[in-house]
Amino acid sequence: MPPIHTPLCVEMCPLRVDIPEFIKLVRLGNYGEAAEKIRQKNCMPSVCGRVCPPRSIMRHGVQKHHRRPDKRSSPRKVRSDLELETGAAVPEVAPSTGKSVGKTLTIDDLFEEGFNAVFLDTGAGLPKLLGIPGENLCGVYSLNEFLLRINLMKADLFPYKSKTPIKVRGRVAILGARGMDAARSALRLGAEEACIFYQRKVVGRVDDIRRGLEEGVKLHSSTKPVRLIGDEKRWVKLVELVKLKPGPPDRTGKLKLIPEQGSEFLYSAETVIIATEHIPNTIAAASTKRSIKIAEKNKTIIVNQETLEAVNGIFAGGDVVSGAASVIKAIEAGKKSSPINKHIHL
C-alpha cells in the first residue's frame, strides 16, 4: 500500500486545518459543515480568510464553483461570509472593562485581584520611528495611526460623522517599504500624489502592489530619509532624502546600501507617513515587578519555547514573542500555551 502523504496545504498551515476536506464541503454547498470543519482547528476563520499569507495554497478554484460574495475571496472568506449570511451563530464578545493592563492596571494588580495566570498577546503594533529630525512635526503619521484613523475611527467622515480628523492634501510622502496600503488610502482621500520612498523592496502582496501602481502610487527605490522640514507653524512641508548605492557586503554576504555623496534631494509633501517595521508592545511586561526578560535588539519577550512561559504564572505568545508575523501564527501560540492550565484552579 503506497504511503499516505499529508497534503502540502495542510502541512504548511500552522494549525493543520483539513483544508482539502473543507474546500470539498464548500463546493458541495455544505457551508455549515464546512464552518464546523475549519472551526475544529481555527477559532478565527473570517479574519484568517482575509489576511492569510499570500503563499497560501488553499485558494484553489473555489471561485469557479461559487461567486458570492467576492470573486477574489479566499475559500475561508467565502465560507465565513456565507456562514454569517445564513444566520450561523457568532461567538459573543466580552464587554470592555475600560481598563488597560500596563496603564491603569499592572500584571501585579491582576495577581492581587486573584488571577492565577496571565497570558500576554499584545502584538507588535508600536511604530519603529526613523530617528530623524522633524518626526514630531504636524502632518506626520505612523503607519498604524494613519490606517486606524481611517478604518476604525472613520476620519474620512470628519467632522460630520466622526470626531477624529485626518489631514491629507497635496503630495504625500510614505517613508518605508510597508506603505502600499497607506499610499492607496491617501489617493482615495484626495491626495494629488502618493510616493513611497524605500530602500530595497516594497513589502506587500503582489496583487496589492499591482493595484497600487494601477491606481497611481509612485515608487522611489534606493532612498533614505534624512530629515523632515516644517514651516513656521510646525507643519511638515519638505522631506530631505539621499540616494543609496551598493556598498561592501555585510557578514551575511548581502551588499549594504550606503548614501551616495552629493545625492541629497528635497520632496515637497504636506503629509508624511512613517511606514517602517513595527515592534512589540511590551509595556505590560515592563511595568511588572516580576523579572520578565525582554530582548534588547527586537524588544520581544523571552519565553520557554516549549511552554511559552516567561516567568512563573506569566505566559506570552504571538508577535510579542516572535516579532511581527501572521494572525494564524498567533493562534498557534495560543494553542501551544496549554501548560497555563496547571495554574488555573477551577
C-alpha atoms as a PDB file:
ATOM      1  CA  MET A   1       0.000   0.000   0.000  1.00  0.00           C
ATOM      2  CA  PRO A   2       1.542   3.369  -1.003  1.00  0.00           C
ATOM      3  CA  PRO A   3       2.358   5.762   1.866  1.00  0.00           C
ATOM      4  CA  ILE A   4      -0.259   8.365   2.718  1.00  0.00           C
ATOM      5  CA  HIS A   5       1.141  11.863   2.304  1.00  0.00           C
ATOM      6  CA  THR A   6      -0.226  14.860   4.157  1.00  0.00           C
ATOM      7  CA  PRO A   7      -1.394  17.480   1.616  1.00  0.00           C
ATOM      8  CA  LEU A   8       1.097  20.319   1.366  1.00  0.00           C
ATOM      9  CA  CYS A   9      -1.578  22.911   2.199  1.00  0.00           C
ATOM     10  CA  VAL A  10      -2.285  21.115   5.494  1.00  0.00           C
ATOM     11  CA  GLU A  11       1.391  20.663   6.275  1.00  0.00           C
ATOM     12  CA  MET A  12       2.122  24.370   5.676  1.00  0.00           C
ATOM     13  CA  CYS A  13      -0.791  25.520   7.837  1.00  0.00           C
ATOM     14  CA  PRO A  14       0.369  26.229  11.431  1.00  0.00           C
ATOM     15  CA  LEU A  15      -3.000  24.973  12.742  1.00  0.00           C
ATOM     16  CA  ARG A  16      -3.079  21.892  10.485  1.00  0.00           C
ATOM     17  CA  VAL A  17      -6.577  22.733   9.221  1.00  0.00           C
ATOM     18  CA  ASP A  18      -8.052  19.998   6.991  1.00  0.00           C
ATOM     19  CA  ILE A  19      -8.176  22.342   4.009  1.00  0.00           C
ATOM     20  CA  PRO A  20      -8.993  19.807   1.253  1.00  0.00           C
ATOM     21  CA  GLU A  21     -11.978  18.485   3.197  1.00  0.00           C
ATOM     22  CA  PHE A  22     -13.492  21.890   3.941  1.00  0.00           C
ATOM     23  CA  ILE A  23     -12.976  23.028   0.319  1.00  0.00           C
ATOM     24  CA  LYS A  24     -14.838  19.892  -0.746  1.00  0.00           C
ATOM     25  CA  LEU A  25     -17.710  20.795   1.612  1.00  0.00           C
ATOM     26  CA  VAL A  26     -17.862  24.356   0.253  1.00  0.00           C
ATOM     27  CA  ARG A  27     -18.007  23.030  -3.299  1.00  0.00           C
ATOM     28  CA  LEU A  28     -20.899  20.790  -2.325  1.00  0.00           C
ATOM     29  CA  GLY A  29     -22.701  23.743  -0.736  1.00  0.00           C
ATOM     30  CA  ASN A  30     -22.499  22.278   2.786  1.00  0.00           C
ATOM     31  CA  TYR A  31     -21.500  25.580   4.363  1.00  0.00           C
ATOM     32  CA  GLY A  32     -22.492  24.661   7.899  1.00  0.00           C
ATOM     33  CA  GLU A  33     -20.354  21.516   7.803  1.00  0.00           C
ATOM     34  CA  ALA A  34     -17.521  23.468   6.184  1.00  0.00           C
ATOM     35  CA  ALA A  35     -17.724  26.005   9.010  1.00  0.00           C
ATOM     36  CA  GLU A  36     -17.571  23.269  11.611  1.00  0.00           C
ATOM     37  CA  LYS A  37     -14.642  21.588   9.866  1.00  0.00           C
ATOM     38  CA  ILE A  38     -12.461  24.695   9.911  1.00  0.00           C
ATOM     39  CA  ARG A  39     -13.533  25.753  13.418  1.00  0.00           C
ATOM     40  CA  GLN A  40     -12.260  22.428  14.736  1.00  0.00           C
ATOM     41  CA  LYS A  41      -8.763  23.884  14.395  1.00  0.00           C
ATOM     42  CA  ASN A  42      -9.197  27.624  13.745  1.00  0.00           C
ATOM     43  CA  CYS A  43     -11.276  29.877  16.003  1.00  0.00           C
ATOM     44  CA  MET A  44     -10.892  32.939  13.713  1.00  0.00           C
ATOM     45  CA  PRO A  45     -11.643  31.784  10.150  1.00  0.00           C
ATOM     46  CA  SER A  46     -13.118  35.066   8.900  1.00  0.00           C
ATOM     47  CA  VAL A  47     -10.052  37.041   9.953  1.00  0.00           C
ATOM     48  CA  CYS A  48      -7.580  34.477   8.597  1.00  0.00           C
ATOM     49  CA  GLY A  49      -9.549  34.279   5.352  1.00  0.00           C
ATOM     50  CA  ARG A  50      -8.764  37.947   4.761  1.00  0.00           C
ATOM     51  CA  VAL A  51      -5.168  38.164   5.964  1.00  0.00           C
ATOM     52  CA  CYS A  52      -3.836  34.666   5.229  1.00  0.00           C
ATOM     53  CA  PRO A  53      -0.204  34.758   3.998  1.00  0.00           C
ATOM     54  CA  PRO A  54      -0.011  35.280   0.220  1.00  0.00           C
ATOM     55  CA  ARG A  55       1.703  31.971  -0.499  1.00  0.00           C
ATOM     56  CA  SER A  56      -1.248  30.042   0.886  1.00  0.00           C
ATOM     57  CA  ILE A  57      -2.188  27.236  -1.477  1.00  0.00           C
ATOM     58  CA  MET A  58      -5.715  26.733  -0.249  1.00  0.00           C
ATOM     59  CA  ARG A  59      -7.183  29.352  -2.604  1.00  0.00           C
ATOM     60  CA  HIS A  60      -7.560  26.758  -5.356  1.00  0.00           C
ATOM     61  CA  GLY A  61     -10.597  27.250  -7.542  1.00  0.00           C
ATOM     62  CA  VAL A  62     -13.494  27.725  -5.156  1.00  0.00           C
ATOM     63  CA  GLN A  63     -14.437  30.893  -7.044  1.00  0.00           C
ATOM     64  CA  LYS A  64     -15.316  28.775 -10.105  1.00  0.00           C
ATOM     65  CA  HIS A  65     -17.986  26.991  -8.092  1.00  0.00           C
ATOM     66  CA  HIS A  66     -19.379  29.872  -6.036  1.00  0.00           C
ATOM     67  CA  ARG A  67     -19.050  33.532  -6.967  1.00  0.00           C
ATOM     68  CA  ARG A  68     -20.513  35.173  -3.877  1.00  0.00           C
ATOM     69  CA  PRO A  69     -19.602  37.429  -2.160  1.00  0.00           C
ATOM     70  CA  ASP A  70     -16.307  38.396  -3.862  1.00  0.00           C
ATOM     71  CA  LYS A  71     -14.753  36.629  -6.808  1.00  0.00           C
ATOM     72  CA  ARG A  72     -11.286  37.319  -5.399  1.00  0.00           C
ATOM     73  CA  SER A  73     -12.086  35.919  -1.978  1.00  0.00           C
ATOM     74  CA  SER A  74     -10.225  33.022  -0.460  1.00  0.00           C
ATOM     75  CA  PRO A  75     -12.257  29.864   0.284  1.00  0.00           C
ATOM     76  CA  ARG A  76     -12.150  30.620   4.002  1.00  0.00           C
ATOM     77  CA  LYS A  77     -13.521  34.122   3.477  1.00  0.00           C
ATOM     78  CA  VAL A  78     -16.256  32.786   1.169  1.00  0.00           C
ATOM     79  CA  ARG A  79     -17.197  30.155   3.703  1.00  0.00           C
ATOM     80  CA  SER A  80     -17.092  32.520   6.665  1.00  0.00           C
ATOM     81  CA  ASP A  81     -19.185  35.190   4.921  1.00  0.00           C
ATOM     82  CA  LEU A  82     -21.762  32.655   3.790  1.00  0.00           C
ATOM     83  CA  GLU A  83     -21.925  31.288   7.308  1.00  0.00           C
ATOM     84  CA  LEU A  84     -22.853  34.757   8.549  1.00  0.00           C
ATOM     85  CA  GLU A  85     -25.336  35.252   5.692  1.00  0.00           C
ATOM     86  CA  THR A  86     -27.176  32.071   6.617  1.00  0.00           C
ATOM     87  CA  GLY A  87     -27.576  33.128  10.238  1.00  0.00           C
ATOM     88  CA  ALA A  88     -24.959  30.933  11.881  1.00  0.00           C
ATOM     89  CA  ALA A  89     -24.164  31.694  15.492  1.00  0.00           C
ATOM     90  CA  VAL A  90     -21.439  34.250  16.098  1.00  0.00           C
ATOM     91  CA  PRO A  91     -19.410  33.923  19.321  1.00  0.00           C
ATOM     92  CA  GLU A  92     -20.207  36.592  21.889  1.00  0.00           C
ATOM     93  CA  VAL A  93     -17.562  39.175  22.658  1.00  0.00           C
ATOM     94  CA  ALA A  94     -16.931  40.020  26.287  1.00  0.00           C
ATOM     95  CA  PRO A  95     -17.749  43.651  27.129  1.00  0.00           C
ATOM     96  CA  SER A  96     -14.860  46.048  27.626  1.00  0.00           C
ATOM     97  CA  THR A  97     -13.752  46.637  31.213  1.00  0.00           C
ATOM     98  CA  GLY A  98     -12.384  50.065  30.349  1.00  0.00           C
ATOM     99  CA  LYS A  99      -9.064  49.077  31.899  1.00  0.00           C
ATOM    100  CA  SER A 100      -5.714  48.798  30.158  1.00  0.00           C
ATOM    101  CA  VAL A 101      -3.079  46.452  31.571  1.00  0.00           C
ATOM    102  CA  GLY A 102       0.182  48.359  31.676  1.00  0.00           C
ATOM    103  CA  LYS A 103      -1.547  51.719  32.103  1.00  0.00           C
ATOM    104  CA  THR A 104      -4.474  51.629  34.541  1.00  0.00           C
ATOM    105  CA  LEU A 105      -3.534  48.157  35.820  1.00  0.00           C
ATOM    106  CA  THR A 106      -0.315  46.195  36.122  1.00  0.00           C
ATOM    107  CA  ILE A 107       0.208  42.456  35.916  1.00  0.00           C
ATOM    108  CA  ASP A 108       0.913  42.532  39.648  1.00  0.00           C
ATOM    109  CA  ASP A 109      -2.539  44.079  40.207  1.00  0.00           C
ATOM    110  CA  LEU A 110      -4.129  41.165  38.340  1.00  0.00           C
ATOM    111  CA  PHE A 111      -2.472  38.610  40.594  1.00  0.00           C
ATOM    112  CA  GLU A 112      -3.538  40.606  43.657  1.00  0.00           C
ATOM    113  CA  GLU A 113      -7.122  40.530  42.359  1.00  0.00           C
ATOM    114  CA  GLY A 114      -6.998  36.738  42.382  1.00  0.00           C
ATOM    115  CA  PHE A 115      -5.944  35.763  38.869  1.00  0.00           C
ATOM    116  CA  ASN A 116      -3.755  32.651  38.785  1.00  0.00           C
ATOM    117  CA  ALA A 117      -2.058  33.222  35.449  1.00  0.00           C
ATOM    118  CA  VAL A 118      -1.611  35.877  32.754  1.00  0.00           C
ATOM    119  CA  PHE A 119      -1.120  35.386  29.010  1.00  0.00           C
ATOM    120  CA  LEU A 120       0.431  38.325  27.148  1.00  0.00           C
ATOM    121  CA  ASP A 121      -0.535  38.526  23.473  1.00  0.00           C
ATOM    122  CA  THR A 122      -0.199  42.260  22.941  1.00  0.00           C
ATOM    123  CA  GLY A 123       1.167  42.054  19.407  1.00  0.00           C
ATOM    124  CA  ALA A 124       3.732  44.169  17.602  1.00  0.00           C
ATOM    125  CA  GLY A 125       1.863  47.382  16.906  1.00  0.00           C
ATOM    126  CA  LEU A 126       4.309  50.020  18.105  1.00  0.00           C
ATOM    127  CA  PRO A 127       5.918  52.027  15.311  1.00  0.00           C
ATOM    128  CA  LYS A 128       9.677  51.914  14.953  1.00  0.00           C
ATOM    129  CA  LEU A 129      10.385  55.532  14.107  1.00  0.00           C
ATOM    130  CA  LEU A 130      13.208  56.685  11.882  1.00  0.00           C
ATOM    131  CA  GLY A 131      15.043  58.739  14.476  1.00  0.00           C
ATOM    132  CA  ILE A 132      15.482  61.736  12.165  1.00  0.00           C
ATOM    133  CA  PRO A 133      14.838  65.445  12.830  1.00  0.00           C
ATOM    134  CA  GLY A 134      11.271  66.588  12.249  1.00  0.00           C
ATOM    135  CA  GLU A 135       9.358  63.392  13.036  1.00  0.00           C
ATOM    136  CA  ASN A 136       7.342  65.323  15.636  1.00  0.00           C
ATOM    137  CA  LEU A 137       6.039  67.883  13.122  1.00  0.00           C
ATOM    138  CA  CYS A 138       2.315  68.231  12.480  1.00  0.00           C
ATOM    139  CA  GLY A 139       1.127  66.230   9.493  1.00  0.00           C
ATOM    140  CA  VAL A 140       3.431  63.286  10.256  1.00  0.00           C
ATOM    141  CA  TYR A 141       1.722  59.960  10.998  1.00  0.00           C
ATOM    142  CA  SER A 142       2.911  56.493  11.840  1.00  0.00           C
ATOM    143  CA  LEU A 143       1.517  53.812   9.527  1.00  0.00           C
ATOM    144  CA  ASN A 144      -0.796  52.278  12.132  1.00  0.00           C
ATOM    145  CA  GLU A 145      -2.102  55.659  13.273  1.00  0.00           C
ATOM    146  CA  PHE A 146      -2.920  56.698   9.718  1.00  0.00           C
ATOM    147  CA  LEU A 147      -4.772  53.494   8.848  1.00  0.00           C
ATOM    148  CA  LEU A 148      -6.560  53.270  12.206  1.00  0.00           C
ATOM    149  CA  ARG A 149      -7.852  56.828  11.881  1.00  0.00           C
ATOM    150  CA  ILE A 150      -9.365  55.935   8.508  1.00  0.00           C
ATOM    151  CA  ASN A 151     -10.607  52.382   9.042  1.00  0.00           C
ATOM    152  CA  LEU A 152     -11.521  52.308  12.718  1.00  0.00           C
ATOM    153  CA  MET A 153     -12.276  55.924  13.573  1.00  0.00           C
ATOM    154  CA  LYS A 154     -13.760  56.877  10.169  1.00  0.00           C
ATOM    155  CA  ALA A 155     -11.654  60.025   9.972  1.00  0.00           C
ATOM    156  CA  ASP A 156     -12.608  60.443   6.312  1.00  0.00           C
ATOM    157  CA  LEU A 157     -16.114  61.377   7.552  1.00  0.00           C
ATOM    158  CA  PHE A 158     -14.846  64.175   9.846  1.00  0.00           C
ATOM    159  CA  PRO A 159     -16.466  66.406  11.046  1.00  0.00           C
ATOM    160  CA  TYR A 160     -19.956  65.189  10.123  1.00  0.00           C
ATOM    161  CA  LYS A 161     -19.913  61.551  11.248  1.00  0.00           C
ATOM    162  CA  SER A 162     -16.593  61.280  13.045  1.00  0.00           C
ATOM    163  CA  LYS A 163     -14.789  63.225  15.748  1.00  0.00           C
ATOM    164  CA  THR A 164     -11.362  62.112  14.518  1.00  0.00           C
ATOM    165  CA  PRO A 165      -9.678  64.352  11.920  1.00  0.00           C
ATOM    166  CA  ILE A 166      -7.101  63.439   9.320  1.00  0.00           C
ATOM    167  CA  LYS A 167      -5.189  65.776   7.021  1.00  0.00           C
ATOM    168  CA  VAL A 168      -4.474  64.515   3.526  1.00  0.00           C
ATOM    169  CA  ARG A 169      -3.888  67.028   0.769  1.00  0.00           C
ATOM    170  CA  GLY A 170      -1.279  67.904  -1.800  1.00  0.00           C
ATOM    171  CA  ARG A 171       1.534  65.391  -2.086  1.00  0.00           C
ATOM    172  CA  VAL A 172       2.001  62.556   0.406  1.00  0.00           C
ATOM    173  CA  ALA A 173       5.395  61.002   1.174  1.00  0.00           C
ATOM    174  CA  ILE A 174       5.382  57.469   2.546  1.00  0.00           C
ATOM    175  CA  LEU A 175       8.730  56.645   4.127  1.00  0.00           C
ATOM    176  CA  GLY A 176       9.296  52.906   4.254  1.00  0.00           C
ATOM    177  CA  ALA A 177       8.656  49.719   2.330  1.00  0.00           C
ATOM    178  CA  ARG A 178       5.420  48.792   4.141  1.00  0.00           C
ATOM    179  CA  GLY A 179       3.397  51.761   2.941  1.00  0.00           C
ATOM    180  CA  MET A 180       1.321  50.489  -0.010  1.00  0.00           C
ATOM    181  CA  ASP A 181      -1.966  50.408   1.937  1.00  0.00           C
ATOM    182  CA  ALA A 182      -1.333  53.922   3.232  1.00  0.00           C
ATOM    183  CA  ALA A 183      -0.437  55.214  -0.226  1.00  0.00           C
ATOM    184  CA  ARG A 184      -3.617  53.796  -1.795  1.00  0.00           C
ATOM    185  CA  SER A 185      -5.708  55.187   1.068  1.00  0.00           C
ATOM    186  CA  ALA A 186      -4.126  58.632   0.694  1.00  0.00           C
ATOM    187  CA  LEU A 187      -5.012  58.758  -3.002  1.00  0.00           C
ATOM    188  CA  ARG A 188      -8.600  57.792  -2.229  1.00  0.00           C
ATOM    189  CA  LEU A 189      -8.750  60.619   0.310  1.00  0.00           C
ATOM    190  CA  GLY A 190      -7.802  63.153  -2.351  1.00  0.00           C
ATOM    191  CA  ALA A 191      -4.007  63.344  -2.355  1.00  0.00           C
ATOM    192  CA  GLU A 192      -2.532  64.788  -5.542  1.00  0.00           C
ATOM    193  CA  GLU A 193       0.310  62.284  -5.422  1.00  0.00           C
ATOM    194  CA  ALA A 194       1.449  59.460  -3.135  1.00  0.00           C
ATOM    195  CA  CYS A 195       5.065  58.348  -3.390  1.00  0.00           C
ATOM    196  CA  ILE A 196       6.684  55.517  -1.447  1.00  0.00           C
ATOM    197  CA  PHE A 197      10.373  56.025  -0.682  1.00  0.00           C
ATOM    198  CA  TYR A 198      12.105  52.782   0.278  1.00  0.00           C
ATOM    199  CA  GLN A 199      15.486  51.090   0.181  1.00  0.00           C
ATOM    200  CA  ARG A 200      15.283  47.622  -1.394  1.00  0.00           C
ATOM    201  CA  LYS A 201      11.823  46.152  -1.976  1.00  0.00           C
ATOM    202  CA  VAL A 202       8.207  47.129  -1.304  1.00  0.00           C
ATOM    203  CA  VAL A 203       6.597  44.799   1.239  1.00  0.00           C
ATOM    204  CA  GLY A 204       3.106  43.505   0.460  1.00  0.00           C
ATOM    205  CA  ARG A 205       1.004  41.093  -1.518  1.00  0.00           C
ATOM    206  CA  VAL A 206       1.762  41.033  -5.228  1.00  0.00           C
ATOM    207  CA  ASP A 207      -1.870  41.866  -6.070  1.00  0.00           C
ATOM    208  CA  ASP A 208      -1.926  44.833  -3.688  1.00  0.00           C
ATOM    209  CA  ILE A 209       1.285  46.249  -5.144  1.00  0.00           C
ATOM    210  CA  ARG A 210      -0.010  45.798  -8.692  1.00  0.00           C
ATOM    211  CA  ARG A 211      -3.311  47.504  -7.866  1.00  0.00           C
ATOM    212  CA  GLY A 212      -1.490  50.328  -6.116  1.00  0.00           C
ATOM    213  CA  LEU A 213       0.564  51.027  -9.211  1.00  0.00           C
ATOM    214  CA  GLU A 214      -2.590  50.915 -11.349  1.00  0.00           C
ATOM    215  CA  GLU A 215      -4.195  53.460  -9.009  1.00  0.00           C
ATOM    216  CA  GLY A 216      -1.267  55.840  -9.387  1.00  0.00           C
ATOM    217  CA  VAL A 217       1.049  55.108  -6.450  1.00  0.00           C
ATOM    218  CA  LYS A 218       4.628  56.087  -7.300  1.00  0.00           C
ATOM    219  CA  LEU A 219       7.699  54.177  -6.128  1.00  0.00           C
ATOM    220  CA  HIS A 220      11.159  55.597  -5.463  1.00  0.00           C
ATOM    221  CA  SER A 221      13.692  52.907  -4.537  1.00  0.00           C
ATOM    222  CA  SER A 222      17.217  53.133  -3.089  1.00  0.00           C
ATOM    223  CA  THR A 223      16.452  56.198  -0.988  1.00  0.00           C
ATOM    224  CA  LYS A 224      16.729  57.057   2.676  1.00  0.00           C
ATOM    225  CA  PRO A 225      15.083  59.965   4.535  1.00  0.00           C
ATOM    226  CA  VAL A 226      17.459  62.384   6.228  1.00  0.00           C
ATOM    227  CA  ARG A 227      15.126  64.924   7.876  1.00  0.00           C
ATOM    228  CA  LEU A 228      11.661  66.473   7.731  1.00  0.00           C
ATOM    229  CA  ILE A 229      11.357  70.230   7.323  1.00  0.00           C
ATOM    230  CA  GLY A 230       8.396  72.255   8.569  1.00  0.00           C
ATOM    231  CA  ASP A 231       7.066  75.794   8.233  1.00  0.00           C
ATOM    232  CA  GLU A 232       6.779  78.459  10.928  1.00  0.00           C
ATOM    233  CA  LYS A 233       3.622  76.778  12.274  1.00  0.00           C
ATOM    234  CA  ARG A 234       5.421  73.413  12.540  1.00  0.00           C
ATOM    235  CA  TRP A 235       3.515  71.739   9.709  1.00  0.00           C
ATOM    236  CA  VAL A 236       5.636  69.446   7.560  1.00  0.00           C
ATOM    237  CA  LYS A 237       6.424  70.864   4.109  1.00  0.00           C
ATOM    238  CA  LEU A 238       9.538  69.109   2.808  1.00  0.00           C
ATOM    239  CA  VAL A 239      11.295  65.764   3.093  1.00  0.00           C
ATOM    240  CA  GLU A 240      15.041  65.651   2.575  1.00  0.00           C
ATOM    241  CA  LEU A 241      16.256  62.304   1.221  1.00  0.00           C
ATOM    242  CA  VAL A 242      19.518  60.832  -0.006  1.00  0.00           C
ATOM    243  CA  LYS A 243      20.035  58.291  -2.770  1.00  0.00           C
ATOM    244  CA  LEU A 244      21.677  54.975  -1.879  1.00  0.00           C
ATOM    245  CA  LYS A 245      24.162  52.854  -3.787  1.00  0.00           C
ATOM    246  CA  PRO A 246      25.549  49.327  -3.245  1.00  0.00           C
ATOM    247  CA  GLY A 247      28.377  49.202  -0.759  1.00  0.00           C
ATOM    248  CA  PRO A 248      30.529  46.473   0.817  1.00  0.00           C
ATOM    249  CA  PRO A 249      28.872  43.193   1.861  1.00  0.00           C
ATOM    250  CA  ASP A 250      27.780  42.612   5.441  1.00  0.00           C
ATOM    251  CA  ARG A 251      28.575  39.497   7.495  1.00  0.00           C
ATOM    252  CA  THR A 252      25.931  37.502   5.591  1.00  0.00           C
ATOM    253  CA  GLY A 253      27.348  38.472   2.204  1.00  0.00           C
ATOM    254  CA  LYS A 254      24.454  40.826   1.406  1.00  0.00           C
ATOM    255  CA  LEU A 255      25.516  44.136  -0.089  1.00  0.00           C
ATOM    256  CA  LYS A 256      24.935  47.104   2.171  1.00  0.00           C
ATOM    257  CA  LEU A 257      23.281  50.218   0.809  1.00  0.00           C
ATOM    258  CA  ILE A 258      25.273  53.345   1.576  1.00  0.00           C
ATOM    259  CA  PRO A 259      24.489  57.034   0.923  1.00  0.00           C
ATOM    260  CA  GLU A 260      25.692  58.384  -2.410  1.00  0.00           C
ATOM    261  CA  GLN A 261      27.706  61.521  -1.764  1.00  0.00           C
ATOM    262  CA  GLY A 262      26.067  64.703  -3.032  1.00  0.00           C
ATOM    263  CA  SER A 263      22.806  62.970  -3.976  1.00  0.00           C
ATOM    264  CA  GLU A 264      20.545  64.680  -1.426  1.00  0.00           C
ATOM    265  CA  PHE A 265      17.245  65.981  -2.771  1.00  0.00           C
ATOM    266  CA  LEU A 266      14.009  67.504  -1.487  1.00  0.00           C
ATOM    267  CA  TYR A 267      10.460  66.226  -1.942  1.00  0.00           C
ATOM    268  CA  SER A 268       7.560  68.592  -1.247  1.00  0.00           C
ATOM    269  CA  ALA A 269       4.910  66.940   0.939  1.00  0.00           C
ATOM    270  CA  GLU A 270       2.144  68.204   3.221  1.00  0.00           C
ATOM    271  CA  THR A 271       1.575  64.762   4.740  1.00  0.00           C
ATOM    272  CA  VAL A 272       4.227  62.225   5.722  1.00  0.00           C
ATOM    273  CA  ILE A 273       3.587  58.623   6.772  1.00  0.00           C
ATOM    274  CA  ILE A 274       6.309  56.609   8.522  1.00  0.00           C
ATOM    275  CA  ALA A 275       5.853  53.072   7.146  1.00  0.00           C
ATOM    276  CA  THR A 276       8.728  51.169   8.707  1.00  0.00           C
ATOM    277  CA  GLU A 277       8.521  47.904  10.650  1.00  0.00           C
ATOM    278  CA  HIS A 278       6.675  47.629  13.950  1.00  0.00           C
ATOM    279  CA  ILE A 279       7.992  46.384  17.277  1.00  0.00           C
ATOM    280  CA  PRO A 280       6.242  44.506  20.097  1.00  0.00           C
ATOM    281  CA  ASN A 281       4.238  46.324  22.728  1.00  0.00           C
ATOM    282  CA  THR A 282       5.905  45.253  25.987  1.00  0.00           C
ATOM    283  CA  ILE A 283       4.547  47.976  28.288  1.00  0.00           C
ATOM    284  CA  ALA A 284       2.669  45.414  30.409  1.00  0.00           C
ATOM    285  CA  ALA A 285       5.763  43.226  30.758  1.00  0.00           C
ATOM    286  CA  ALA A 286       7.978  46.188  31.610  1.00  0.00           C
ATOM    287  CA  SER A 287       5.625  47.513  34.297  1.00  0.00           C
ATOM    288  CA  THR A 288       5.615  44.387  36.480  1.00  0.00           C
ATOM    289  CA  LYS A 289       7.960  43.697  39.397  1.00  0.00           C
ATOM    290  CA  ARG A 290       8.380  40.143  38.147  1.00  0.00           C
ATOM    291  CA  SER A 291      11.539  39.512  36.169  1.00  0.00           C
ATOM    292  CA  ILE A 292      10.253  39.210  32.609  1.00  0.00           C
ATOM    293  CA  LYS A 293      13.159  39.251  30.179  1.00  0.00           C
ATOM    294  CA  ILE A 294      12.884  41.427  27.082  1.00  0.00           C
ATOM    295  CA  ALA A 295      15.309  41.041  24.173  1.00  0.00           C
ATOM    296  CA  GLU A 296      17.343  44.194  23.699  1.00  0.00           C
ATOM    297  CA  LYS A 297      17.568  44.012  19.903  1.00  0.00           C
ATOM    298  CA  ASN A 298      13.973  43.339  18.788  1.00  0.00           C
ATOM    299  CA  LYS A 299      12.116  44.096  22.056  1.00  0.00           C
ATOM    300  CA  THR A 300      10.412  40.691  22.169  1.00  0.00           C
ATOM    301  CA  ILE A 301       9.531  38.859  25.375  1.00  0.00           C
ATOM    302  CA  ILE A 302      11.810  35.876  26.022  1.00  0.00           C
ATOM    303  CA  VAL A 303       9.871  32.698  26.880  1.00  0.00           C
ATOM    304  CA  ASN A 304      10.366  28.970  27.220  1.00  0.00           C
ATOM    305  CA  GLN A 305       9.767  27.845  23.631  1.00  0.00           C
ATOM    306  CA  GLU A 306       8.014  24.654  24.754  1.00  0.00           C
ATOM    307  CA  THR A 307       5.592  26.128  27.304  1.00  0.00           C
ATOM    308  CA  LEU A 308       5.622  29.852  26.323  1.00  0.00           C
ATOM    309  CA  GLU A 309       6.151  30.700  29.997  1.00  0.00           C
ATOM    310  CA  ALA A 310       8.151  33.876  30.640  1.00  0.00           C
ATOM    311  CA  VAL A 311       8.233  33.622  34.436  1.00  0.00           C
ATOM    312  CA  ASN A 312       6.129  31.610  36.861  1.00  0.00           C
ATOM    313  CA  GLY A 313       2.454  32.157  36.008  1.00  0.00           C
ATOM    314  CA  ILE A 314       3.096  34.609  33.154  1.00  0.00           C
ATOM    315  CA  PHE A 315       2.944  33.350  29.570  1.00  0.00           C
ATOM    316  CA  ALA A 316       3.352  35.158  26.267  1.00  0.00           C
ATOM    317  CA  GLY A 317       2.830  34.355  22.608  1.00  0.00           C
ATOM    318  CA  GLY A 318       2.244  35.765  19.146  1.00  0.00           C
ATOM    319  CA  ASP A 319       4.019  38.831  17.792  1.00  0.00           C
ATOM    320  CA  VAL A 320       5.138  39.974  21.247  1.00  0.00           C
ATOM    321  CA  VAL A 321       7.393  36.885  21.294  1.00  0.00           C
ATOM    322  CA  SER A 322       8.153  36.248  17.625  1.00  0.00           C
ATOM    323  CA  GLY A 323       8.129  39.794  16.296  1.00  0.00           C
ATOM    324  CA  ALA A 324       5.641  40.850  13.617  1.00  0.00           C
ATOM    325  CA  ALA A 325       4.180  37.724  12.000  1.00  0.00           C
ATOM    326  CA  SER A 326       0.745  36.429  10.958  1.00  0.00           C
ATOM    327  CA  VAL A 327      -2.605  36.052  12.725  1.00  0.00           C
ATOM    328  CA  ILE A 328      -2.577  32.302  12.279  1.00  0.00           C
ATOM    329  CA  LYS A 329       0.832  32.056  13.987  1.00  0.00           C
ATOM    330  CA  ALA A 330      -0.591  33.967  16.945  1.00  0.00           C
ATOM    331  CA  ILE A 331      -3.490  31.478  17.167  1.00  0.00           C
ATOM    332  CA  GLU A 332      -0.943  28.667  17.084  1.00  0.00           C
ATOM    333  CA  ALA A 333       0.846  30.264  20.038  1.00  0.00           C
ATOM    334  CA  GLY A 334      -2.410  30.446  21.982  1.00  0.00           C
ATOM    335  CA  LYS A 335      -2.965  26.719  21.465  1.00  0.00           C
ATOM    336  CA  LYS A 336       0.622  25.965  22.377  1.00  0.00           C
ATOM    337  CA  SER A 337       0.195  27.573  25.803  1.00  0.00           C
ATOM    338  CA  SER A 338      -1.774  24.662  27.311  1.00  0.00           C
ATOM    339  CA  PRO A 339       0.702  24.440  30.264  1.00  0.00           C
ATOM    340  CA  ILE A 340      -1.084  27.535  31.596  1.00  0.00           C
ATOM    341  CA  ASN A 341      -3.830  25.170  32.762  1.00  0.00           C
ATOM    342  CA  LYS A 342      -1.724  23.979  35.692  1.00  0.00           C
ATOM    343  CA  HIS A 343      -2.028  27.475  37.189  1.00  0.00           C
ATOM    344  CA  ILE A 344      -5.801  27.628  36.879  1.00  0.00           C
ATOM    345  CA  HIS A 345      -7.757  26.070  39.734  1.00  0.00           C
ATOM    346  CA  LEU A 346     -11.383  25.521  38.721  1.00  0.00           C
END
